[in-house]
């Protein structure tokens, strides 16, 4: 009876937390849409959305409606999806690699995706047949393969995996810099370098539709393998003893995280530390079970990224900071804390 009561109470807490997180995300997105060079009341934001979706018919300024619907709302929604995707990737990679520091940026996956995307943009590789996202995916998967080779897969240990990630980041960042320096025009180089630090300024509704589909499919795949991820936390041997096909599941999950990362990088550039910070915080509050952790990380990552995008526009207004700079200011101290705690242990 006590166990049943405890389980019911835990379910109520989780449901309440999920509902509150969704409401907070809606409010943060609305706030992100309202701030900018043209300040818009949050009530007008909800009215514009209601008018566009046919739920309301409130007279509203056409300027407000145009700014909200054509520019700011799509940007806020893409930021939320990107934050959710990076947090999911971080949670999955930390389990697969049994490494508290694992996330796409630290492991060089974002750098590889950036190289692939820049190659498509600057060199015109595959123009008409290979999209920006596919180029980024190829680069991300190449980075994964490089890190796996250098770290000897899961047998290389935590330190070796991180060192392999550092090497991958340096290699692909160097290739990207060389490509820009030798093949891009001056204006193209400035635009690409700003984009590489993370920016949502150019995203619109088509980008939101693509990233939403990729994130939802990726989350569904990861949730399907949530029990396998729980087992991977204790090692490959423990997972194999439970009847899990370790090579197959690892390949599927690595491919899924590479696809999510590539899609995000192709739209917003390389944004670090979201996948590192969010899963650790959510694991502290909700525990290690991945069926809960993945959803909690997705919601928290979405909220954090929208807040980072807001901060990037307000800190040096009317100019805009790259959003990757904001996430680094939050993530680097957290990164240092994790390293210090690991050293103490």
C-alpha atoms as a PDB file:
ATOM      1  CA  UNK A   1       0.000   0.000   0.000  1.00  0.00           C
ATOM      2  CA  UNK A   2       2.820   2.363   0.933  1.00  0.00           C
ATOM      3  CA  UNK A   3       4.551   1.635  -2.370  1.00  0.00           C
ATOM      4  CA  UNK A   4       1.340   2.324  -4.302  1.00  0.00           C
ATOM      5  CA  UNK A   5       0.817   5.620  -2.476  1.00  0.00           C
ATOM      6  CA  UNK A   6       4.412   6.642  -3.128  1.00  0.00           C
ATOM      7  CA  UNK A   7       4.087   5.763  -6.817  1.00  0.00           C
ATOM      8  CA  UNK A   8       0.851   7.759  -7.114  1.00  0.00           C
ATOM      9  CA  UNK A   9       2.387  10.730  -5.351  1.00  0.00           C
ATOM     10  CA  UNK A  10       5.428  10.601  -7.630  1.00  0.00           C
ATOM     11  CA  UNK A  11       3.163  10.487 -10.672  1.00  0.00           C
ATOM     12  CA  UNK A  12       1.241  13.535  -9.483  1.00  0.00           C
ATOM     13  CA  UNK A  13       4.490  15.438  -8.889  1.00  0.00           C
ATOM     14  CA  UNK A  14       5.822  14.551 -12.337  1.00  0.00           C
ATOM     15  CA  UNK A  15       2.557  15.489 -14.059  1.00  0.00           C
ATOM     16  CA  UNK A  16       2.374  18.782 -12.180  1.00  0.00           C
ATOM     17  CA  UNK A  17       5.998  19.566 -13.016  1.00  0.00           C
ATOM     18  CA  UNK A  18       5.387  18.809 -16.692  1.00  0.00           C
ATOM     19  CA  UNK A  19       2.292  21.033 -16.861  1.00  0.00           C
ATOM     20  CA  UNK A  20       4.069  23.886 -15.070  1.00  0.00           C
ATOM     21  CA  UNK A  21       7.071  23.534 -17.381  1.00  0.00           C
ATOM     22  CA  UNK A  22       4.864  23.734 -20.468  1.00  0.00           C
ATOM     23  CA  UNK A  23       3.115  26.843 -19.095  1.00  0.00           C
ATOM     24  CA  UNK A  24       6.469  28.421 -18.271  1.00  0.00           C
ATOM     25  CA  UNK A  25       7.714  27.641 -21.782  1.00  0.00           C
ATOM     26  CA  UNK A  26       4.630  29.306 -23.299  1.00  0.00           C
ATOM     27  CA  UNK A  27       5.172  32.407 -21.155  1.00  0.00           C
ATOM     28  CA  UNK A  28       8.891  32.555 -21.988  1.00  0.00           C
ATOM     29  CA  UNK A  29       8.153  32.257 -25.720  1.00  0.00           C
ATOM     30  CA  UNK A  30       5.531  35.000 -25.455  1.00  0.00           C
ATOM     31  CA  UNK A  31       8.022  37.209 -23.612  1.00  0.00           C
ATOM     32  CA  UNK A  32      10.653  36.498 -26.262  1.00  0.00           C
ATOM     33  CA  UNK A  33       8.204  37.578 -28.966  1.00  0.00           C
ATOM     34  CA  UNK A  34       7.298  40.772 -27.089  1.00  0.00           C
ATOM     35  CA  UNK A  35      10.837  42.142 -26.593  1.00  0.00           C
ATOM     36  CA  UNK A  36      12.911  43.818 -29.292  1.00  0.00           C
ATOM     37  CA  UNK A  37      13.399  47.156 -31.003  1.00  0.00           C
ATOM     38  CA  UNK A  38       9.613  47.358 -31.195  1.00  0.00           C
ATOM     39  CA  UNK A  39       8.215  46.510 -27.766  1.00  0.00           C
ATOM     40  CA  UNK A  40       4.919  44.622 -27.980  1.00  0.00           C
ATOM     41  CA  UNK A  41       2.613  43.892 -24.998  1.00  0.00           C
ATOM     42  CA  UNK A  42       2.363  40.182 -24.200  1.00  0.00           C
ATOM     43  CA  UNK A  43      -1.434  40.425 -24.417  1.00  0.00           C
ATOM     44  CA  UNK A  44      -1.053  41.507 -28.049  1.00  0.00           C
ATOM     45  CA  UNK A  45       1.174  38.490 -28.681  1.00  0.00           C
ATOM     46  CA  UNK A  46      -1.544  36.068 -27.563  1.00  0.00           C
ATOM     47  CA  UNK A  47      -4.188  38.064 -29.475  1.00  0.00           C
ATOM     48  CA  UNK A  48      -2.139  37.926 -32.684  1.00  0.00           C
ATOM     49  CA  UNK A  49      -1.665  34.176 -32.343  1.00  0.00           C
ATOM     50  CA  UNK A  50      -5.371  33.734 -31.608  1.00  0.00           C
ATOM     51  CA  UNK A  51      -6.339  35.820 -34.640  1.00  0.00           C
ATOM     52  CA  UNK A  52      -4.005  33.898 -36.930  1.00  0.00           C
ATOM     53  CA  UNK A  53      -5.248  30.514 -35.742  1.00  0.00           C
ATOM     54  CA  UNK A  54      -8.918  31.566 -35.873  1.00  0.00           C
ATOM     55  CA  UNK A  55      -9.500  31.284 -32.128  1.00  0.00           C
ATOM     56  CA  UNK A  56     -10.086  35.030 -31.656  1.00  0.00           C
ATOM     57  CA  UNK A  57     -11.039  38.041 -33.777  1.00  0.00           C
ATOM     58  CA  UNK A  58      -9.538  40.948 -31.861  1.00  0.00           C
ATOM     59  CA  UNK A  59      -8.687  44.150 -33.796  1.00  0.00           C
ATOM     60  CA  UNK A  60      -4.908  44.497 -33.735  1.00  0.00           C
ATOM     61  CA  UNK A  61      -2.270  46.650 -35.387  1.00  0.00           C
ATOM     62  CA  UNK A  62      -1.075  45.165 -38.672  1.00  0.00           C
ATOM     63  CA  UNK A  63       2.478  46.098 -37.732  1.00  0.00           C
ATOM     64  CA  UNK A  64       2.191  44.098 -34.521  1.00  0.00           C
ATOM     65  CA  UNK A  65       0.731  41.113 -36.341  1.00  0.00           C
ATOM     66  CA  UNK A  66       3.418  41.215 -39.023  1.00  0.00           C
ATOM     67  CA  UNK A  67       6.308  41.503 -36.550  1.00  0.00           C
ATOM     68  CA  UNK A  68       4.896  38.769 -34.317  1.00  0.00           C
ATOM     69  CA  UNK A  69       3.905  36.246 -36.949  1.00  0.00           C
ATOM     70  CA  UNK A  70       6.452  36.853 -39.708  1.00  0.00           C
ATOM     71  CA  UNK A  71       9.582  37.307 -37.603  1.00  0.00           C
ATOM     72  CA  UNK A  72       9.603  36.848 -33.853  1.00  0.00           C
ATOM     73  CA  UNK A  73       7.308  33.891 -33.172  1.00  0.00           C
ATOM     74  CA  UNK A  74       9.057  31.588 -35.620  1.00  0.00           C
ATOM     75  CA  UNK A  75      12.404  32.611 -34.127  1.00  0.00           C
ATOM     76  CA  UNK A  76      11.276  31.846 -30.573  1.00  0.00           C
ATOM     77  CA  UNK A  77       9.795  28.493 -31.576  1.00  0.00           C
ATOM     78  CA  UNK A  78      12.947  27.438 -33.450  1.00  0.00           C
ATOM     79  CA  UNK A  79      15.026  28.434 -30.417  1.00  0.00           C
ATOM     80  CA  UNK A  80      12.804  26.282 -28.189  1.00  0.00           C
ATOM     81  CA  UNK A  81      13.117  23.292 -30.527  1.00  0.00           C
ATOM     82  CA  UNK A  82      16.901  23.689 -30.765  1.00  0.00           C
ATOM     83  CA  UNK A  83      17.260  23.868 -26.987  1.00  0.00           C
ATOM     84  CA  UNK A  84      15.112  20.770 -26.571  1.00  0.00           C
ATOM     85  CA  UNK A  85      17.100  18.880 -29.208  1.00  0.00           C
ATOM     86  CA  UNK A  86      20.507  19.718 -27.729  1.00  0.00           C
ATOM     87  CA  UNK A  87      19.351  18.725 -24.236  1.00  0.00           C
ATOM     88  CA  UNK A  88      18.046  15.389 -25.541  1.00  0.00           C
ATOM     89  CA  UNK A  89      21.356  14.740 -27.317  1.00  0.00           C
ATOM     90  CA  UNK A  90      23.292  15.525 -24.149  1.00  0.00           C
ATOM     91  CA  UNK A  91      21.213  13.136 -22.031  1.00  0.00           C
ATOM     92  CA  UNK A  92      21.587  10.333 -24.585  1.00  0.00           C
ATOM     93  CA  UNK A  93      25.344  10.784 -25.114  1.00  0.00           C
ATOM     94  CA  UNK A  94      26.058  10.940 -21.382  1.00  0.00           C
ATOM     95  CA  UNK A  95      24.376   7.563 -20.987  1.00  0.00           C
ATOM     96  CA  UNK A  96      25.862   5.909 -24.081  1.00  0.00           C
ATOM     97  CA  UNK A  97      29.404   7.022 -23.261  1.00  0.00           C
ATOM     98  CA  UNK A  98      29.036   6.820 -19.462  1.00  0.00           C
ATOM     99  CA  UNK A  99      30.617  10.258 -19.373  1.00  0.00           C
ATOM    100  CA  UNK A 100      29.301  13.213 -17.379  1.00  0.00           C
ATOM    101  CA  UNK A 101      30.909  15.666 -19.818  1.00  0.00           C
ATOM    102  CA  UNK A 102      29.471  14.204 -23.017  1.00  0.00           C
ATOM    103  CA  UNK A 103      27.418  16.490 -25.265  1.00  0.00           C
ATOM    104  CA  UNK A 104      27.554  17.385 -28.980  1.00  0.00           C
ATOM    105  CA  UNK A 105      29.665  20.530 -28.527  1.00  0.00           C
ATOM    106  CA  UNK A 106      32.282  18.980 -26.218  1.00  0.00           C
ATOM    107  CA  UNK A 107      32.602  15.841 -28.366  1.00  0.00           C
ATOM    108  CA  UNK A 108      33.198  17.848 -31.542  1.00  0.00           C
ATOM    109  CA  UNK A 109      29.939  16.790 -33.193  1.00  0.00           C
ATOM    110  CA  UNK A 110      28.787  20.402 -33.528  1.00  0.00           C
ATOM    111  CA  UNK A 111      32.154  21.312 -35.059  1.00  0.00           C
ATOM    112  CA  UNK A 112      31.812  18.495 -37.587  1.00  0.00           C
ATOM    113  CA  UNK A 113      28.275  19.568 -38.469  1.00  0.00           C
ATOM    114  CA  UNK A 114      29.507  23.154 -38.897  1.00  0.00           C
ATOM    115  CA  UNK A 115      32.194  21.966 -41.302  1.00  0.00           C
ATOM    116  CA  UNK A 116      29.640  20.073 -43.368  1.00  0.00           C
ATOM    117  CA  UNK A 117      27.236  23.003 -43.469  1.00  0.00           C
ATOM    118  CA  UNK A 118      29.952  25.525 -44.349  1.00  0.00           C
ATOM    119  CA  UNK A 119      31.208  23.247 -47.126  1.00  0.00           C
ATOM    120  CA  UNK A 120      27.761  23.272 -48.682  1.00  0.00           C
ATOM    121  CA  UNK A 121      27.361  27.055 -48.307  1.00  0.00           C
ATOM    122  CA  UNK A 122      30.839  28.230 -49.297  1.00  0.00           C
ATOM    123  CA  UNK A 123      32.012  25.552 -51.723  1.00  0.00           C
ATOM    124  CA  UNK A 124      28.608  24.782 -53.181  1.00  0.00           C
ATOM    125  CA  UNK A 125      29.138  21.043 -52.703  1.00  0.00           C
ATOM    126  CA  UNK A 126      26.061  19.146 -53.803  1.00  0.00           C
ATOM    127  CA  UNK A 127      24.126  22.241 -54.833  1.00  0.00           C
ATOM    128  CA  UNK A 128      20.728  21.097 -56.017  1.00  0.00           C
ATOM    129  CA  UNK A 129      21.087  17.602 -54.566  1.00  0.00           C
ATOM    130  CA  UNK A 130      22.483  17.885 -51.049  1.00  0.00           C
ATOM    131  CA  UNK A 131      20.762  20.259 -48.666  1.00  0.00           C
ATOM    132  CA  UNK A 132      22.412  22.215 -45.873  1.00  0.00           C
ATOM    133  CA  UNK A 133      21.048  19.778 -43.286  1.00  0.00           C
ATOM    134  CA  UNK A 134      22.436  16.754 -45.132  1.00  0.00           C
ATOM    135  CA  UNK A 135      25.839  18.383 -45.383  1.00  0.00           C
ATOM    136  CA  UNK A 136      25.753  19.106 -41.664  1.00  0.00           C
ATOM    137  CA  UNK A 137      24.640  15.520 -40.959  1.00  0.00           C
ATOM    138  CA  UNK A 138      27.572  14.134 -42.946  1.00  0.00           C
ATOM    139  CA  UNK A 139      29.972  16.331 -40.976  1.00  0.00           C
ATOM    140  CA  UNK A 140      28.395  15.376 -37.643  1.00  0.00           C
ATOM    141  CA  UNK A 141      28.588  11.665 -38.399  1.00  0.00           C
ATOM    142  CA  UNK A 142      32.196  12.047 -39.542  1.00  0.00           C
ATOM    143  CA  UNK A 143      33.005  13.679 -36.195  1.00  0.00           C
ATOM    144  CA  UNK A 144      31.308  10.807 -34.351  1.00  0.00           C
ATOM    145  CA  UNK A 145      33.353   8.286 -36.317  1.00  0.00           C
ATOM    146  CA  UNK A 146      36.560  10.223 -35.623  1.00  0.00           C
ATOM    147  CA  UNK A 147      35.898  10.382 -31.858  1.00  0.00           C
ATOM    148  CA  UNK A 148      34.940   6.698 -31.746  1.00  0.00           C
ATOM    149  CA  UNK A 149      38.139   5.740 -33.579  1.00  0.00           C
ATOM    150  CA  UNK A 150      40.423   7.794 -31.342  1.00  0.00           C
ATOM    151  CA  UNK A 151      38.743   6.740 -28.085  1.00  0.00           C
ATOM    152  CA  UNK A 152      38.517   3.058 -29.095  1.00  0.00           C
ATOM    153  CA  UNK A 153      34.723   3.129 -28.742  1.00  0.00           C
ATOM    154  CA  UNK A 154      33.364   2.723 -25.229  1.00  0.00           C
ATOM    155  CA  UNK A 155      36.590   1.057 -24.008  1.00  0.00           C
ATOM    156  CA  UNK A 156      38.671   4.214 -24.161  1.00  0.00           C
ATOM    157  CA  UNK A 157      37.435   5.623 -20.887  1.00  0.00           C
ATOM    158  CA  UNK A 158      36.100   9.027 -19.940  1.00  0.00           C
ATOM    159  CA  UNK A 159      39.358  10.942 -20.263  1.00  0.00           C
ATOM    160  CA  UNK A 160      40.188   9.432 -23.643  1.00  0.00           C
ATOM    161  CA  UNK A 161      36.720  10.193 -25.003  1.00  0.00           C
ATOM    162  CA  UNK A 162      36.932  13.849 -23.962  1.00  0.00           C
ATOM    163  CA  UNK A 163      40.447  14.165 -25.412  1.00  0.00           C
ATOM    164  CA  UNK A 164      39.178  12.642 -28.651  1.00  0.00           C
ATOM    165  CA  UNK A 165      36.354  15.209 -28.647  1.00  0.00           C
ATOM    166  CA  UNK A 166      38.844  18.040 -28.184  1.00  0.00           C
ATOM    167  CA  UNK A 167      40.915  16.718 -31.072  1.00  0.00           C
ATOM    168  CA  UNK A 168      37.813  16.426 -33.262  1.00  0.00           C
ATOM    169  CA  UNK A 169      36.759  19.982 -32.423  1.00  0.00           C
ATOM    170  CA  UNK A 170      40.188  21.353 -33.298  1.00  0.00           C
ATOM    171  CA  UNK A 171      40.388  19.384 -36.528  1.00  0.00           C
ATOM    172  CA  UNK A 172      36.949  20.304 -37.863  1.00  0.00           C
ATOM    173  CA  UNK A 173      37.204  23.918 -36.676  1.00  0.00           C
ATOM    174  CA  UNK A 174      40.510  24.162 -38.549  1.00  0.00           C
ATOM    175  CA  UNK A 175      38.932  22.725 -41.709  1.00  0.00           C
ATOM    176  CA  UNK A 176      36.052  25.183 -41.382  1.00  0.00           C
ATOM    177  CA  UNK A 177      38.403  28.145 -40.893  1.00  0.00           C
ATOM    178  CA  UNK A 178      40.539  27.068 -43.861  1.00  0.00           C
ATOM    179  CA  UNK A 179      37.481  26.691 -46.066  1.00  0.00           C
ATOM    180  CA  UNK A 180      36.192  30.153 -45.128  1.00  0.00           C
ATOM    181  CA  UNK A 181      39.605  31.797 -45.486  1.00  0.00           C
ATOM    182  CA  UNK A 182      40.348  30.378 -48.916  1.00  0.00           C
ATOM    183  CA  UNK A 183      36.935  30.165 -50.583  1.00  0.00           C
ATOM    184  CA  UNK A 184      34.524  32.685 -49.049  1.00  0.00           C
ATOM    185  CA  UNK A 185      34.073  36.340 -49.971  1.00  0.00           C
ATOM    186  CA  UNK A 186      34.553  39.010 -47.276  1.00  0.00           C
ATOM    187  CA  UNK A 187      30.817  39.444 -46.686  1.00  0.00           C
ATOM    188  CA  UNK A 188      30.224  35.705 -46.793  1.00  0.00           C
ATOM    189  CA  UNK A 189      33.025  35.153 -44.261  1.00  0.00           C
ATOM    190  CA  UNK A 190      31.533  37.696 -41.830  1.00  0.00           C
ATOM    191  CA  UNK A 191      28.075  36.174 -42.108  1.00  0.00           C
ATOM    192  CA  UNK A 192      29.315  32.616 -41.676  1.00  0.00           C
ATOM    193  CA  UNK A 193      31.550  33.430 -38.699  1.00  0.00           C
ATOM    194  CA  UNK A 194      28.679  35.160 -36.868  1.00  0.00           C
ATOM    195  CA  UNK A 195      26.367  32.249 -37.687  1.00  0.00           C
ATOM    196  CA  UNK A 196      28.898  29.702 -36.423  1.00  0.00           C
ATOM    197  CA  UNK A 197      28.697  31.264 -32.942  1.00  0.00           C
ATOM    198  CA  UNK A 198      24.952  30.687 -32.897  1.00  0.00           C
ATOM    199  CA  UNK A 199      22.179  32.889 -34.240  1.00  0.00           C
ATOM    200  CA  UNK A 200      18.424  32.560 -34.786  1.00  0.00           C
ATOM    201  CA  UNK A 201      18.114  35.795 -36.747  1.00  0.00           C
ATOM    202  CA  UNK A 202      17.497  34.163 -40.131  1.00  0.00           C
ATOM    203  CA  UNK A 203      15.077  31.384 -39.205  1.00  0.00           C
ATOM    204  CA  UNK A 204      11.435  31.429 -40.338  1.00  0.00           C
ATOM    205  CA  UNK A 205       8.474  29.037 -40.476  1.00  0.00           C
ATOM    206  CA  UNK A 206       9.983  26.490 -42.929  1.00  0.00           C
ATOM    207  CA  UNK A 207      12.936  26.006 -40.560  1.00  0.00           C
ATOM    208  CA  UNK A 208      10.544  25.577 -37.621  1.00  0.00           C
ATOM    209  CA  UNK A 209       8.556  22.913 -39.440  1.00  0.00           C
ATOM    210  CA  UNK A 210      11.709  20.949 -40.282  1.00  0.00           C
ATOM    211  CA  UNK A 211      13.318  21.153 -36.851  1.00  0.00           C
ATOM    212  CA  UNK A 212      10.028  20.321 -35.094  1.00  0.00           C
ATOM    213  CA  UNK A 213       9.634  17.125 -37.132  1.00  0.00           C
ATOM    214  CA  UNK A 214      13.264  16.095 -36.521  1.00  0.00           C
ATOM    215  CA  UNK A 215      13.108  16.792 -32.774  1.00  0.00           C
ATOM    216  CA  UNK A 216       9.797  14.968 -32.305  1.00  0.00           C
ATOM    217  CA  UNK A 217      11.006  11.940 -34.266  1.00  0.00           C
ATOM    218  CA  UNK A 218      14.316  11.960 -32.406  1.00  0.00           C
ATOM    219  CA  UNK A 219      12.584  12.185 -29.029  1.00  0.00           C
ATOM    220  CA  UNK A 220      10.266   9.323 -29.985  1.00  0.00           C
ATOM    221  CA  UNK A 221      13.239   7.111 -30.940  1.00  0.00           C
ATOM    222  CA  UNK A 222      15.102   7.956 -27.725  1.00  0.00           C
ATOM    223  CA  UNK A 223      12.006   7.297 -25.594  1.00  0.00           C
ATOM    224  CA  UNK A 224      11.546   3.961 -27.356  1.00  0.00           C
ATOM    225  CA  UNK A 225      15.064   3.017 -26.247  1.00  0.00           C
ATOM    226  CA  UNK A 226      14.787   4.625 -22.804  1.00  0.00           C
ATOM    227  CA  UNK A 227      15.173   1.297 -20.970  1.00  0.00           C
ATOM    228  CA  UNK A 228      18.249   0.531 -23.045  1.00  0.00           C
ATOM    229  CA  UNK A 229      19.661   3.924 -22.057  1.00  0.00           C
ATOM    230  CA  UNK A 230      19.023   3.084 -18.404  1.00  0.00           C
ATOM    231  CA  UNK A 231      21.017  -0.115 -18.903  1.00  0.00           C
ATOM    232  CA  UNK A 232      23.850   1.644 -20.769  1.00  0.00           C
ATOM    233  CA  UNK A 233      24.383   3.785 -17.666  1.00  0.00           C
ATOM    234  CA  UNK A 234      25.779   0.665 -15.975  1.00  0.00           C
ATOM    235  CA  UNK A 235      27.906  -0.379 -18.948  1.00  0.00           C
ATOM    236  CA  UNK A 236      27.675  -2.350 -22.184  1.00  0.00           C
ATOM    237  CA  UNK A 237      27.965  -5.695 -20.404  1.00  0.00           C
ATOM    238  CA  UNK A 238      24.978  -4.906 -18.209  1.00  0.00           C
ATOM    239  CA  UNK A 239      22.965  -3.878 -21.262  1.00  0.00           C
ATOM    240  CA  UNK A 240      23.932  -7.052 -23.148  1.00  0.00           C
ATOM    241  CA  UNK A 241      22.978  -9.219 -20.156  1.00  0.00           C
ATOM    242  CA  UNK A 242      19.443  -7.783 -20.409  1.00  0.00           C
ATOM    243  CA  UNK A 243      19.150  -8.941 -24.014  1.00  0.00           C
ATOM    244  CA  UNK A 244      19.901  -5.562 -25.628  1.00  0.00           C
ATOM    245  CA  UNK A 245      21.672  -5.617 -28.982  1.00  0.00           C
ATOM    246  CA  UNK A 246      24.397  -3.176 -27.961  1.00  0.00           C
ATOM    247  CA  UNK A 247      25.958  -2.408 -31.386  1.00  0.00           C
ATOM    248  CA  UNK A 248      22.555  -1.944 -33.046  1.00  0.00           C
ATOM    249  CA  UNK A 249      21.111   0.302 -30.339  1.00  0.00           C
ATOM    250  CA  UNK A 250      24.296   2.374 -30.108  1.00  0.00           C
ATOM    251  CA  UNK A 251      24.303   2.925 -33.884  1.00  0.00           C
ATOM    252  CA  UNK A 252      20.621   3.935 -33.911  1.00  0.00           C
ATOM    253  CA  UNK A 253      21.023   6.369 -31.014  1.00  0.00           C
ATOM    254  CA  UNK A 254      24.291   7.829 -32.333  1.00  0.00           C
ATOM    255  CA  UNK A 255      22.657   8.352 -35.732  1.00  0.00           C
ATOM    256  CA  UNK A 256      19.636   9.978 -34.092  1.00  0.00           C
ATOM    257  CA  UNK A 257      21.742  12.407 -32.066  1.00  0.00           C
ATOM    258  CA  UNK A 258      23.879  13.182 -35.136  1.00  0.00           C
ATOM    259  CA  UNK A 259      20.756  13.975 -37.177  1.00  0.00           C
ATOM    260  CA  UNK A 260      19.322  16.219 -34.442  1.00  0.00           C
ATOM    261  CA  UNK A 261      22.628  18.041 -33.987  1.00  0.00           C
ATOM    262  CA  UNK A 262      23.121  18.475 -37.736  1.00  0.00           C
ATOM    263  CA  UNK A 263      19.642  19.929 -38.202  1.00  0.00           C
ATOM    264  CA  UNK A 264      20.187  22.399 -35.372  1.00  0.00           C
ATOM    265  CA  UNK A 265      23.650  23.438 -36.562  1.00  0.00           C
ATOM    266  CA  UNK A 266      22.434  23.929 -40.144  1.00  0.00           C
ATOM    267  CA  UNK A 267      19.844  26.435 -38.866  1.00  0.00           C
ATOM    268  CA  UNK A 268      21.436  28.151 -35.879  1.00  0.00           C
ATOM    269  CA  UNK A 269      25.154  27.377 -35.951  1.00  0.00           C
ATOM    270  CA  UNK A 270      27.194  25.740 -33.216  1.00  0.00           C
ATOM    271  CA  UNK A 271      25.664  26.322 -29.771  1.00  0.00           C
ATOM    272  CA  UNK A 272      27.469  24.756 -26.849  1.00  0.00           C
ATOM    273  CA  UNK A 273      26.850  23.628 -23.281  1.00  0.00           C
ATOM    274  CA  UNK A 274      23.047  23.361 -23.387  1.00  0.00           C
ATOM    275  CA  UNK A 275      23.375  19.599 -23.772  1.00  0.00           C
ATOM    276  CA  UNK A 276      25.840  19.535 -20.886  1.00  0.00           C
ATOM    277  CA  UNK A 277      24.048  21.663 -18.309  1.00  0.00           C
ATOM    278  CA  UNK A 278      20.394  20.718 -18.713  1.00  0.00           C
ATOM    279  CA  UNK A 279      20.558  16.895 -18.344  1.00  0.00           C
ATOM    280  CA  UNK A 280      22.613  17.202 -15.146  1.00  0.00           C
ATOM    281  CA  UNK A 281      20.158  19.617 -13.563  1.00  0.00           C
ATOM    282  CA  UNK A 282      17.156  17.516 -14.593  1.00  0.00           C
ATOM    283  CA  UNK A 283      18.841  14.346 -13.365  1.00  0.00           C
ATOM    284  CA  UNK A 284      19.271  16.017  -9.966  1.00  0.00           C
ATOM    285  CA  UNK A 285      15.561  16.872  -9.747  1.00  0.00           C
ATOM    286  CA  UNK A 286      13.906  13.883 -11.452  1.00  0.00           C
ATOM    287  CA  UNK A 287      16.377  11.032 -11.160  1.00  0.00           C
ATOM    288  CA  UNK A 288      18.182   8.914 -13.775  1.00  0.00           C
ATOM    289  CA  UNK A 289      15.248   7.118 -15.481  1.00  0.00           C
ATOM    290  CA  UNK A 290      15.422   8.209 -19.111  1.00  0.00           C
ATOM    291  CA  UNK A 291      11.707   8.013 -19.885  1.00  0.00           C
ATOM    292  CA  UNK A 292      11.334  10.931 -17.451  1.00  0.00           C
ATOM    293  CA  UNK A 293      14.752  12.516 -17.922  1.00  0.00           C
ATOM    294  CA  UNK A 294      14.402  12.919 -21.689  1.00  0.00           C
ATOM    295  CA  UNK A 295      11.076  14.767 -21.472  1.00  0.00           C
ATOM    296  CA  UNK A 296      12.244  16.931 -18.572  1.00  0.00           C
ATOM    297  CA  UNK A 297      15.472  17.776 -20.399  1.00  0.00           C
ATOM    298  CA  UNK A 298      13.591  18.665 -23.585  1.00  0.00           C
ATOM    299  CA  UNK A 299      11.306  21.115 -21.767  1.00  0.00           C
ATOM    300  CA  UNK A 300      14.114  22.653 -19.698  1.00  0.00           C
ATOM    301  CA  UNK A 301      16.396  22.920 -22.726  1.00  0.00           C
ATOM    302  CA  UNK A 302      13.664  24.705 -24.676  1.00  0.00           C
ATOM    303  CA  UNK A 303      13.141  27.216 -21.846  1.00  0.00           C
ATOM    304  CA  UNK A 304      16.890  27.811 -21.421  1.00  0.00           C
ATOM    305  CA  UNK A 305      17.470  28.400 -25.137  1.00  0.00           C
ATOM    306  CA  UNK A 306      14.606  30.888 -25.477  1.00  0.00           C
ATOM    307  CA  UNK A 307      15.939  32.766 -22.440  1.00  0.00           C
ATOM    308  CA  UNK A 308      19.443  32.739 -23.953  1.00  0.00           C
ATOM    309  CA  UNK A 309      18.063  34.138 -27.219  1.00  0.00           C
ATOM    310  CA  UNK A 310      16.281  36.905 -25.288  1.00  0.00           C
ATOM    311  CA  UNK A 311      19.487  37.722 -23.405  1.00  0.00           C
ATOM    312  CA  UNK A 312      21.471  37.810 -26.668  1.00  0.00           C
ATOM    313  CA  UNK A 313      19.173  40.573 -27.939  1.00  0.00           C
ATOM    314  CA  UNK A 314      19.021  42.604 -24.722  1.00  0.00           C
ATOM    315  CA  UNK A 315      22.570  42.548 -23.318  1.00  0.00           C
ATOM    316  CA  UNK A 316      24.067  44.956 -25.872  1.00  0.00           C
ATOM    317  CA  UNK A 317      20.869  46.316 -27.474  1.00  0.00           C
ATOM    318  CA  UNK A 318      20.288  47.473 -30.163  1.00  0.00           C
ATOM    319  CA  UNK A 319      23.029  45.102 -31.365  1.00  0.00           C
ATOM    320  CA  UNK A 320      22.764  41.355 -30.908  1.00  0.00           C
ATOM    321  CA  UNK A 321      25.182  38.887 -29.341  1.00  0.00           C
ATOM    322  CA  UNK A 322      25.605  35.402 -30.807  1.00  0.00           C
ATOM    323  CA  UNK A 323      23.466  33.111 -28.677  1.00  0.00           C
ATOM    324  CA  UNK A 324      26.392  30.705 -28.355  1.00  0.00           C
ATOM    325  CA  UNK A 325      28.238  33.360 -26.362  1.00  0.00           C
ATOM    326  CA  UNK A 326      25.369  33.524 -23.858  1.00  0.00           C
ATOM    327  CA  UNK A 327      25.152  29.741 -23.434  1.00  0.00           C
ATOM    328  CA  UNK A 328      28.925  29.561 -22.981  1.00  0.00           C
ATOM    329  CA  UNK A 329      28.794  32.155 -20.193  1.00  0.00           C
ATOM    330  CA  UNK A 330      26.350  29.863 -18.391  1.00  0.00           C
ATOM    331  CA  UNK A 331      27.868  26.540 -19.401  1.00  0.00           C
ATOM    332  CA  UNK A 332      31.603  27.053 -18.819  1.00  0.00           C
ATOM    333  CA  UNK A 333      31.288  27.577 -15.010  1.00  0.00           C
ATOM    334  CA  UNK A 334      29.035  24.506 -14.850  1.00  0.00           C
ATOM    335  CA  UNK A 335      31.591  22.572 -16.910  1.00  0.00           C
ATOM    336  CA  UNK A 336      34.308  23.581 -14.441  1.00  0.00           C
ATOM    337  CA  UNK A 337      32.182  22.448 -11.492  1.00  0.00           C
ATOM    338  CA  UNK A 338      31.659  19.007 -13.047  1.00  0.00           C
ATOM    339  CA  UNK A 339      35.402  18.608 -13.670  1.00  0.00           C
ATOM    340  CA  UNK A 340      36.196  19.698 -10.095  1.00  0.00           C
ATOM    341  CA  UNK A 341      33.693  17.253  -8.607  1.00  0.00           C
ATOM    342  CA  UNK A 342      35.050  14.430 -10.774  1.00  0.00           C
ATOM    343  CA  UNK A 343      38.553  15.277  -9.608  1.00  0.00           C
ATOM    344  CA  UNK A 344      37.468  15.243  -5.972  1.00  0.00           C
ATOM    345  CA  UNK A 345      35.816  11.859  -6.387  1.00  0.00           C
END
